[in-house]
PDB file of all heavy atoms in Angstrom:
ATOM      1  N   ALA A   1       7.070  -1.621  -4.296  1.00  0.00           N
ATOM      2  CA  ALA A   1       7.676  -1.867  -3.016  1.00  0.00           C
ATOM      3  C   ALA A   1       6.539  -2.247  -2.033  1.00  0.00           C
ATOM      4  O   ALA A   1       5.824  -1.429  -1.558  1.00  0.00           O
ATOM      5  CB  ALA A   1       8.382  -0.619  -2.572  1.00  0.00           C
ATOM      6  N   VAL A   2       6.407  -3.561  -1.777  1.00  0.00           N
ATOM      7  CA  VAL A   2       5.421  -4.064  -0.953  1.00  0.00           C
ATOM      8  C   VAL A   2       5.860  -4.094   0.474  1.00  0.00           C
ATOM      9  O   VAL A   2       6.843  -4.710   0.841  1.00  0.00           O
ATOM     10  CB  VAL A   2       4.926  -5.522  -1.365  1.00  0.00           C
ATOM     11  CG1 VAL A   2       3.811  -6.072  -0.492  1.00  0.00           C
ATOM     12  CG2 VAL A   2       4.535  -5.473  -2.856  1.00  0.00           C
ATOM     13  N   HIS A   3       5.170  -3.391   1.368  1.00  0.00           N
ATOM     14  CA  HIS A   3       5.520  -3.291   2.785  1.00  0.00           C
ATOM     15  C   HIS A   3       5.279  -4.538   3.546  1.00  0.00           C
ATOM     16  O   HIS A   3       4.512  -5.372   3.144  1.00  0.00           O
ATOM     17  CB  HIS A   3       4.927  -2.026   3.442  1.00  0.00           C
ATOM     18  CG  HIS A   3       3.376  -2.123   3.460  1.00  0.00           C
ATOM     19  ND1 HIS A   3       2.690  -2.815   4.263  1.00  0.00           N
ATOM     20  CD2 HIS A   3       2.487  -1.492   2.631  1.00  0.00           C
ATOM     21  CE1 HIS A   3       1.398  -2.698   4.116  1.00  0.00           C
ATOM     22  NE2 HIS A   3       1.225  -1.870   3.083  1.00  0.00           N
ATOM     23  N   TYR A   4       5.774  -4.582   4.715  1.00  0.00           N
ATOM     24  CA  TYR A   4       5.532  -5.720   5.659  1.00  0.00           C
ATOM     25  C   TYR A   4       4.027  -5.736   6.087  1.00  0.00           C
ATOM     26  O   TYR A   4       3.365  -4.708   5.940  1.00  0.00           O
ATOM     27  CB  TYR A   4       6.485  -5.582   6.869  1.00  0.00           C
ATOM     28  CG  TYR A   4       6.549  -4.216   7.475  1.00  0.00           C
ATOM     29  CD1 TYR A   4       5.763  -3.818   8.517  1.00  0.00           C
ATOM     30  CD2 TYR A   4       7.448  -3.273   6.964  1.00  0.00           C
ATOM     31  CE1 TYR A   4       5.811  -2.586   9.042  1.00  0.00           C
ATOM     32  CE2 TYR A   4       7.497  -1.974   7.469  1.00  0.00           C
ATOM     33  CZ  TYR A   4       6.671  -1.640   8.520  1.00  0.00           C
ATOM     34  OH  TYR A   4       6.709  -0.361   9.007  1.00  0.00           O
ATOM     35  N   CYS A   5       3.633  -6.791   6.766  1.00  0.00           N
ATOM     36  CA  CYS A   5       2.211  -7.041   7.053  1.00  0.00           C
ATOM     37  C   CYS A   5       1.439  -5.922   7.751  1.00  0.00           C
ATOM     38  O   CYS A   5       0.437  -5.477   7.285  1.00  0.00           O
ATOM     39  CB  CYS A   5       2.131  -8.273   7.957  1.00  0.00           C
ATOM     40  SG  CYS A   5       0.439  -8.851   8.162  1.00  0.00           S
ATOM     41  N   THR A   6       2.011  -5.279   8.727  1.00  0.00           N
ATOM     42  CA  THR A   6       1.340  -4.226   9.461  1.00  0.00           C
ATOM     43  C   THR A   6       1.831  -2.765   9.030  1.00  0.00           C
ATOM     44  O   THR A   6       1.558  -1.889   9.713  1.00  0.00           O
ATOM     45  CB  THR A   6       1.428  -4.418  11.001  1.00  0.00           C
ATOM     46  OG1 THR A   6       2.812  -4.453  11.346  1.00  0.00           O
ATOM     47  CG2 THR A   6       0.783  -5.668  11.421  1.00  0.00           C
ATOM     48  N   GLY A   7       2.649  -2.695   8.022  1.00  0.00           N
ATOM     49  CA  GLY A   7       3.253  -1.451   7.662  1.00  0.00           C
ATOM     50  C   GLY A   7       2.274  -0.617   6.777  1.00  0.00           C
ATOM     51  O   GLY A   7       1.118  -0.966   6.496  1.00  0.00           O
ATOM     52  N   THR A   8       2.865   0.488   6.404  1.00  0.00           N
ATOM     53  CA  THR A   8       2.080   1.448   5.492  1.00  0.00           C
ATOM     54  C   THR A   8       3.092   1.836   4.363  1.00  0.00           C
ATOM     55  O   THR A   8       4.281   1.651   4.479  1.00  0.00           O
ATOM     56  CB  THR A   8       1.713   2.689   6.244  1.00  0.00           C
ATOM     57  OG1 THR A   8       2.880   3.466   6.618  1.00  0.00           O
ATOM     58  CG2 THR A   8       0.864   2.430   7.453  1.00  0.00           C
ATOM     59  N   GLY A   9       2.431   2.326   3.269  1.00  0.00           N
ATOM     60  CA  GLY A   9       3.281   2.800   2.173  1.00  0.00           C
ATOM     61  C   GLY A   9       4.203   3.873   2.579  1.00  0.00           C
ATOM     62  O   GLY A   9       5.403   3.834   2.291  1.00  0.00           O
ATOM     63  N   PRO A  10       3.750   4.969   3.289  1.00  0.00           N
ATOM     64  CA  PRO A  10       4.648   6.063   3.645  1.00  0.00           C
ATOM     65  C   PRO A  10       5.741   5.558   4.611  1.00  0.00           C
ATOM     66  O   PRO A  10       6.844   6.055   4.525  1.00  0.00           O
ATOM     67  CB  PRO A  10       3.664   7.010   4.325  1.00  0.00           C
ATOM     68  CG  PRO A  10       2.377   6.862   3.706  1.00  0.00           C
ATOM     69  CD  PRO A  10       2.312   5.314   3.464  1.00  0.00           C
ATOM     70  N   ALA A  11       5.436   4.628   5.497  1.00  0.00           N
ATOM     71  CA  ALA A  11       6.475   4.134   6.434  1.00  0.00           C
ATOM     72  C   ALA A  11       7.576   3.389   5.654  1.00  0.00           C
ATOM     73  O   ALA A  11       8.719   3.484   5.974  1.00  0.00           O
ATOM     74  CB  ALA A  11       5.847   3.283   7.532  1.00  0.00           C
ATOM     75  N   PHE A  12       7.097   2.620   4.620  1.00  0.00           N
ATOM     76  CA  PHE A  12       8.062   1.797   3.840  1.00  0.00           C
ATOM     77  C   PHE A  12       8.875   2.766   3.027  1.00  0.00           C
ATOM     78  O   PHE A  12      10.072   2.591   2.816  1.00  0.00           O
ATOM     79  CB  PHE A  12       7.355   0.802   2.969  1.00  0.00           C
ATOM     80  CG  PHE A  12       8.126  -0.315   2.620  1.00  0.00           C
ATOM     81  CD1 PHE A  12       8.748  -1.172   3.524  1.00  0.00           C
ATOM     82  CD2 PHE A  12       8.260  -0.739   1.284  1.00  0.00           C
ATOM     83  CE1 PHE A  12       9.527  -2.238   3.228  1.00  0.00           C
ATOM     84  CE2 PHE A  12       9.067  -1.767   0.918  1.00  0.00           C
ATOM     85  CZ  PHE A  12       9.667  -2.610   1.872  1.00  0.00           C
ATOM     86  N   TYR A  13       8.267   3.808   2.521  1.00  0.00           N
ATOM     87  CA  TYR A  13       8.984   4.882   1.726  1.00  0.00           C
ATOM     88  C   TYR A  13      10.156   5.506   2.677  1.00  0.00           C
ATOM     89  O   TYR A  13      11.277   5.621   2.255  1.00  0.00           O
ATOM     90  CB  TYR A  13       8.051   5.974   1.280  1.00  0.00           C
ATOM     91  CG  TYR A  13       8.697   7.278   0.876  1.00  0.00           C
ATOM     92  CD1 TYR A  13       9.246   7.444  -0.370  1.00  0.00           C
ATOM     93  CD2 TYR A  13       8.642   8.357   1.809  1.00  0.00           C
ATOM     94  CE1 TYR A  13       9.768   8.593  -0.707  1.00  0.00           C
ATOM     95  CE2 TYR A  13       9.170   9.572   1.372  1.00  0.00           C
ATOM     96  CZ  TYR A  13       9.738   9.667   0.111  1.00  0.00           C
ATOM     97  OH  TYR A  13      10.297  10.919  -0.220  1.00  0.00           O
ATOM     98  N   ALA A  14       9.734   5.882   3.880  1.00  0.00           N
ATOM     99  CA  ALA A  14      10.689   6.452   4.796  1.00  0.00           C
ATOM    100  C   ALA A  14      11.762   5.549   5.337  1.00  0.00           C
ATOM    101  O   ALA A  14      12.892   6.064   5.568  1.00  0.00           O
ATOM    102  CB  ALA A  14       9.902   7.126   6.021  1.00  0.00           C
ATOM    103  N   GLY A  15      11.454   4.270   5.423  1.00  0.00           N
ATOM    104  CA  GLY A  15      12.350   3.323   6.030  1.00  0.00           C
ATOM    105  C   GLY A  15      13.210   2.545   5.061  1.00  0.00           C
ATOM    106  O   GLY A  15      13.926   1.625   5.522  1.00  0.00           O
ATOM    107  N   THR A  16      13.180   2.791   3.809  1.00  0.00           N
ATOM    108  CA  THR A  16      13.889   2.033   2.858  1.00  0.00           C
ATOM    109  C   THR A  16      14.750   2.962   1.893  1.00  0.00           C
ATOM    110  O   THR A  16      14.548   4.217   1.957  1.00  0.00           O
ATOM    111  CB  THR A  16      13.047   1.139   1.936  1.00  0.00           C
ATOM    112  OG1 THR A  16      12.193   1.978   1.140  1.00  0.00           O
ATOM    113  CG2 THR A  16      12.224   0.154   2.767  1.00  0.00           C
ATOM    114  N   GLU A  17      15.559   2.415   1.129  1.00  0.00           N
ATOM    115  CA  GLU A  17      16.467   3.155   0.224  1.00  0.00           C
ATOM    116  C   GLU A  17      15.886   3.279  -1.182  1.00  0.00           C
ATOM    117  O   GLU A  17      16.449   3.769  -2.142  1.00  0.00           O
ATOM    118  CB  GLU A  17      17.834   2.497   0.095  1.00  0.00           C
ATOM    119  CG  GLU A  17      18.601   2.468   1.414  1.00  0.00           C
ATOM    120  CD  GLU A  17      19.047   3.909   1.835  1.00  0.00           C
ATOM    121  OE1 GLU A  17      19.549   4.639   0.971  1.00  0.00           O
ATOM    122  OE2 GLU A  17      18.897   4.225   3.019  1.00  0.00           O
ATOM    123  N   PHE A  18      14.605   2.865  -1.366  1.00  0.00           N
ATOM    124  CA  PHE A  18      14.099   2.777  -2.725  1.00  0.00           C
ATOM    125  C   PHE A  18      13.997   4.190  -3.410  1.00  0.00           C
ATOM    126  O   PHE A  18      14.292   4.379  -4.580  1.00  0.00           O
ATOM    127  CB  PHE A  18      12.711   2.125  -2.779  1.00  0.00           C
ATOM    128  CG  PHE A  18      12.780   0.661  -2.477  1.00  0.00           C
ATOM    129  CD1 PHE A  18      11.941   0.125  -1.419  1.00  0.00           C
ATOM    130  CD2 PHE A  18      13.573  -0.207  -3.232  1.00  0.00           C
ATOM    131  CE1 PHE A  18      11.983  -1.192  -1.189  1.00  0.00           C
ATOM    132  CE2 PHE A  18      13.541  -1.481  -2.977  1.00  0.00           C
ATOM    133  CZ  PHE A  18      12.813  -2.079  -1.978  1.00  0.00           C
ATOM    134  N   ALA A  19      13.584   5.221  -2.621  1.00  0.00           N
ATOM    135  CA  ALA A  19      13.530   6.546  -3.229  1.00  0.00           C
ATOM    136  C   ALA A  19      14.955   7.056  -3.647  1.00  0.00           C
ATOM    137  O   ALA A  19      15.022   7.652  -4.625  1.00  0.00           O
ATOM    138  CB  ALA A  19      12.901   7.517  -2.231  1.00  0.00           C
ATOM    139  N   ARG A  20      15.916   6.879  -2.800  1.00  0.00           N
ATOM    140  CA  ARG A  20      17.279   7.254  -3.136  1.00  0.00           C
ATOM    141  C   ARG A  20      17.769   6.563  -4.397  1.00  0.00           C
ATOM    142  O   ARG A  20      18.367   7.160  -5.257  1.00  0.00           O
ATOM    143  CB  ARG A  20      18.222   7.006  -1.957  1.00  0.00           C
ATOM    144  CG  ARG A  20      19.610   7.478  -2.280  1.00  0.00           C
ATOM    145  CD  ARG A  20      20.614   7.030  -1.232  1.00  0.00           C
ATOM    146  NE  ARG A  20      20.789   5.648  -1.019  1.00  0.00           N
ATOM    147  CZ  ARG A  20      21.502   4.861  -1.911  1.00  0.00           C
ATOM    148  NH1 ARG A  20      22.114   5.459  -2.975  1.00  0.00           N
ATOM    149  NH2 ARG A  20      21.606   3.610  -1.751  1.00  0.00           N
ATOM    150  N   LEU A  21      17.528   5.226  -4.489  1.00  0.00           N
ATOM    151  CA  LEU A  21      17.892   4.481  -5.631  1.00  0.00           C
ATOM    152  C   LEU A  21      17.066   4.947  -6.864  1.00  0.00           C
ATOM    153  O   LEU A  21      17.673   4.961  -8.009  1.00  0.00           O
ATOM    154  CB  LEU A  21      17.675   2.980  -5.412  1.00  0.00           C
ATOM    155  CG  LEU A  21      18.592   2.406  -4.293  1.00  0.00           C
ATOM    156  CD1 LEU A  21      18.183   0.966  -3.979  1.00  0.00           C
ATOM    157  CD2 LEU A  21      20.039   2.397  -4.770  1.00  0.00           C
ATOM    158  N   ALA A  22      15.842   5.275  -6.657  1.00  0.00           N
ATOM    159  CA  ALA A  22      15.113   5.746  -7.818  1.00  0.00           C
ATOM    160  C   ALA A  22      15.658   7.129  -8.324  1.00  0.00           C
ATOM    161  O   ALA A  22      15.723   7.307  -9.533  1.00  0.00           O
ATOM    162  CB  ALA A  22      13.594   5.922  -7.422  1.00  0.00           C
ATOM    163  N   ASP A  23      16.088   7.946  -7.365  1.00  0.00           N
ATOM    164  CA  ASP A  23      16.789   9.199  -7.830  1.00  0.00           C
ATOM    165  C   ASP A  23      18.033   8.881  -8.653  1.00  0.00           C
ATOM    166  O   ASP A  23      18.354   9.560  -9.572  1.00  0.00           O
ATOM    167  CB  ASP A  23      17.165  10.050  -6.611  1.00  0.00           C
ATOM    168  CG  ASP A  23      15.921  10.755  -5.955  1.00  0.00           C
ATOM    169  OD1 ASP A  23      14.959  10.992  -6.621  1.00  0.00           O
ATOM    170  OD2 ASP A  23      16.050  10.976  -4.743  1.00  0.00           O
ATOM    171  N   GLN A  24      18.762   7.830  -8.193  1.00  0.00           N
ATOM    172  CA  GLN A  24      20.033   7.539  -8.750  1.00  0.00           C
ATOM    173  C   GLN A  24      19.849   6.873 -10.180  1.00  0.00           C
ATOM    174  O   GLN A  24      20.521   7.189 -11.091  1.00  0.00           O
ATOM    175  CB  GLN A  24      20.813   6.585  -7.897  1.00  0.00           C
ATOM    176  CG  GLN A  24      22.180   6.218  -8.405  1.00  0.00           C
ATOM    177  CD  GLN A  24      22.962   5.358  -7.429  1.00  0.00           C
ATOM    178  OE1 GLN A  24      22.561   5.163  -6.262  1.00  0.00           O
ATOM    179  NE2 GLN A  24      24.062   4.838  -7.902  1.00  0.00           N
ATOM    180  N   TYR A  25      18.823   5.923 -10.272  1.00  0.00           N
ATOM    181  CA  TYR A  25      18.677   5.166 -11.490  1.00  0.00           C
ATOM    182  C   TYR A  25      17.464   5.531 -12.371  1.00  0.00           C
ATOM    183  O   TYR A  25      17.278   5.025 -13.427  1.00  0.00           O
ATOM    184  CB  TYR A  25      18.602   3.660 -11.130  1.00  0.00           C
ATOM    185  CG  TYR A  25      19.912   3.168 -10.525  1.00  0.00           C
ATOM    186  CD1 TYR A  25      19.950   2.932  -9.112  1.00  0.00           C
ATOM    187  CD2 TYR A  25      21.039   3.029 -11.300  1.00  0.00           C
ATOM    188  CE1 TYR A  25      21.166   2.460  -8.586  1.00  0.00           C
ATOM    189  CE2 TYR A  25      22.252   2.555 -10.749  1.00  0.00           C
ATOM    190  CZ  TYR A  25      22.302   2.281  -9.361  1.00  0.00           C
ATOM    191  OH  TYR A  25      23.458   1.795  -8.824  1.00  0.00           O
ATOM    192  N   GLY A  26      16.593   6.462 -11.865  1.00  0.00           N
ATOM    193  CA  GLY A  26      15.566   6.950 -12.701  1.00  0.00           C
ATOM    194  C   GLY A  26      14.334   6.107 -12.850  1.00  0.00           C
ATOM    195  O   GLY A  26      13.670   6.184 -13.902  1.00  0.00           O
ATOM    196  N   PHE A  27      14.049   5.283 -11.893  1.00  0.00           N
ATOM    197  CA  PHE A  27      12.790   4.455 -11.947  1.00  0.00           C
ATOM    198  C   PHE A  27      11.725   5.006 -10.994  1.00  0.00           C
ATOM    199  O   PHE A  27      11.965   5.754 -10.063  1.00  0.00           O
ATOM    200  CB  PHE A  27      13.047   2.927 -11.690  1.00  0.00           C
ATOM    201  CG  PHE A  27      13.726   2.675 -10.280  1.00  0.00           C
ATOM    202  CD1 PHE A  27      12.855   2.460  -9.259  1.00  0.00           C
ATOM    203  CD2 PHE A  27      15.090   2.586 -10.182  1.00  0.00           C
ATOM    204  CE1 PHE A  27      13.514   2.222  -7.968  1.00  0.00           C
ATOM    205  CE2 PHE A  27      15.656   2.254  -8.970  1.00  0.00           C
ATOM    206  CZ  PHE A  27      14.878   2.134  -7.808  1.00  0.00           C
ATOM    207  N   ILE A  28      10.461   4.541 -11.301  1.00  0.00           N
ATOM    208  CA  ILE A  28       9.364   4.973 -10.422  1.00  0.00           C
ATOM    209  C   ILE A  28       9.190   3.941  -9.375  1.00  0.00           C
ATOM    210  O   ILE A  28       9.333   2.706  -9.631  1.00  0.00           O
ATOM    211  CB  ILE A  28       8.071   5.129 -11.223  1.00  0.00           C
ATOM    212  CG1 ILE A  28       8.160   6.239 -12.231  1.00  0.00           C
ATOM    213  CG2 ILE A  28       6.814   5.276 -10.385  1.00  0.00           C
ATOM    214  CD1 ILE A  28       7.038   6.392 -13.159  1.00  0.00           C
ATOM    215  N   VAL A  29       8.809   4.338  -8.165  1.00  0.00           N
ATOM    216  CA  VAL A  29       8.495   3.374  -7.094  1.00  0.00           C
ATOM    217  C   VAL A  29       7.030   3.542  -6.685  1.00  0.00           C
ATOM    218  O   VAL A  29       6.454   4.681  -6.515  1.00  0.00           O
ATOM    219  CB  VAL A  29       9.338   3.651  -5.823  1.00  0.00           C
ATOM    220  CG1 VAL A  29       9.083   2.568  -4.783  1.00  0.00           C
ATOM    221  CG2 VAL A  29      10.832   3.721  -6.080  1.00  0.00           C
ATOM    222  N   VAL A  30       6.290   2.406  -6.722  1.00  0.00           N
ATOM    223  CA  VAL A  30       4.907   2.359  -6.275  1.00  0.00           C
ATOM    224  C   VAL A  30       4.805   1.673  -4.907  1.00  0.00           C
ATOM    225  O   VAL A  30       5.379   0.564  -4.689  1.00  0.00           O
ATOM    226  CB  VAL A  30       4.046   1.548  -7.268  1.00  0.00           C
ATOM    227  CG1 VAL A  30       2.596   1.486  -6.792  1.00  0.00           C
ATOM    228  CG2 VAL A  30       4.108   2.232  -8.634  1.00  0.00           C
ATOM    229  N   TYR A  31       4.165   2.392  -3.916  1.00  0.00           N
ATOM    230  CA  TYR A  31       4.037   1.820  -2.621  1.00  0.00           C
ATOM    231  C   TYR A  31       2.517   1.556  -2.402  1.00  0.00           C
ATOM    232  O   TYR A  31       1.761   2.458  -1.986  1.00  0.00           O
ATOM    233  CB  TYR A  31       4.512   2.876  -1.548  1.00  0.00           C
ATOM    234  CG  TYR A  31       5.955   3.224  -1.693  1.00  0.00           C
ATOM    235  CD1 TYR A  31       6.418   4.253  -2.458  1.00  0.00           C
ATOM    236  CD2 TYR A  31       6.896   2.497  -0.940  1.00  0.00           C
ATOM    237  CE1 TYR A  31       7.717   4.574  -2.578  1.00  0.00           C
ATOM    238  CE2 TYR A  31       8.285   2.829  -0.993  1.00  0.00           C
ATOM    239  CZ  TYR A  31       8.666   3.891  -1.842  1.00  0.00           C
ATOM    240  OH  TYR A  31       9.983   4.200  -1.901  1.00  0.00           O
ATOM    241  N   PRO A  32       2.109   0.325  -2.634  1.00  0.00           N
ATOM    242  CA  PRO A  32       0.657  -0.006  -2.384  1.00  0.00           C
ATOM    243  C   PRO A  32       0.529  -0.178  -0.888  1.00  0.00           C
ATOM    244  O   PRO A  32       1.365  -0.461  -0.137  1.00  0.00           O
ATOM    245  CB  PRO A  32       0.468  -1.352  -3.116  1.00  0.00           C
ATOM    246  CG  PRO A  32       1.819  -1.923  -3.185  1.00  0.00           C
ATOM    247  CD  PRO A  32       2.819  -0.865  -3.150  1.00  0.00           C
ATOM    248  N   GLU A  33      -0.804  -0.028  -0.456  1.00  0.00           N
ATOM    249  CA  GLU A  33      -1.139  -0.130   0.970  1.00  0.00           C
ATOM    250  C   GLU A  33      -2.563  -0.674   1.069  1.00  0.00           C
ATOM    251  O   GLU A  33      -3.443  -0.160   0.484  1.00  0.00           O
ATOM    252  CB  GLU A  33      -1.016   1.179   1.641  1.00  0.00           C
ATOM    253  CG  GLU A  33      -1.339   1.163   3.096  1.00  0.00           C
ATOM    254  CD  GLU A  33      -1.255   2.574   3.752  1.00  0.00           C
ATOM    255  OE1 GLU A  33      -0.221   3.188   3.497  1.00  0.00           O
ATOM    256  OE2 GLU A  33      -2.150   2.941   4.431  1.00  0.00           O
ATOM    257  N   ARG A  34      -2.655  -1.760   1.869  1.00  0.00           N
ATOM    258  CA  ARG A  34      -3.999  -2.345   2.207  1.00  0.00           C
ATOM    259  C   ARG A  34      -4.373  -1.717   3.620  1.00  0.00           C
ATOM    260  O   ARG A  34      -3.596  -1.626   4.476  1.00  0.00           O
ATOM    261  CB  ARG A  34      -3.902  -3.807   2.265  1.00  0.00           C
ATOM    262  CG  ARG A  34      -5.218  -4.456   2.578  1.00  0.00           C
ATOM    263  CD  ARG A  34      -5.235  -5.958   2.535  1.00  0.00           C
ATOM    264  NE  ARG A  34      -4.980  -6.433   1.221  1.00  0.00           N
ATOM    265  CZ  ARG A  34      -6.014  -6.698   0.292  1.00  0.00           C
ATOM    266  NH1 ARG A  34      -7.268  -6.405   0.587  1.00  0.00           N
ATOM    267  NH2 ARG A  34      -5.774  -7.138  -0.889  1.00  0.00           N
ATOM    268  N   GLN A  35      -5.595  -1.337   3.677  1.00  0.00           N
ATOM    269  CA  GLN A  35      -6.098  -0.712   4.826  1.00  0.00           C
ATOM    270  C   GLN A  35      -5.955  -1.653   6.003  1.00  0.00           C
ATOM    271  O   GLN A  35      -6.301  -2.869   5.819  1.00  0.00           O
ATOM    272  CB  GLN A  35      -7.496  -0.278   4.719  1.00  0.00           C
ATOM    273  CG  GLN A  35      -7.793   0.777   3.638  1.00  0.00           C
ATOM    274  CD  GLN A  35      -7.133   2.189   4.004  1.00  0.00           C
ATOM    275  OE1 GLN A  35      -7.050   2.479   5.259  1.00  0.00           O
ATOM    276  NE2 GLN A  35      -6.758   2.920   3.078  1.00  0.00           N
TER     277      GLN A  35
END
């Protein structure tokens, strides 16, 4: 899950449905972050 240009991994985690969908479908989500 690649965040928007000025975003962060934790913000993208909190602001998207990927974690809920991962719970539902059993996949891992990776949130990379460039400093």
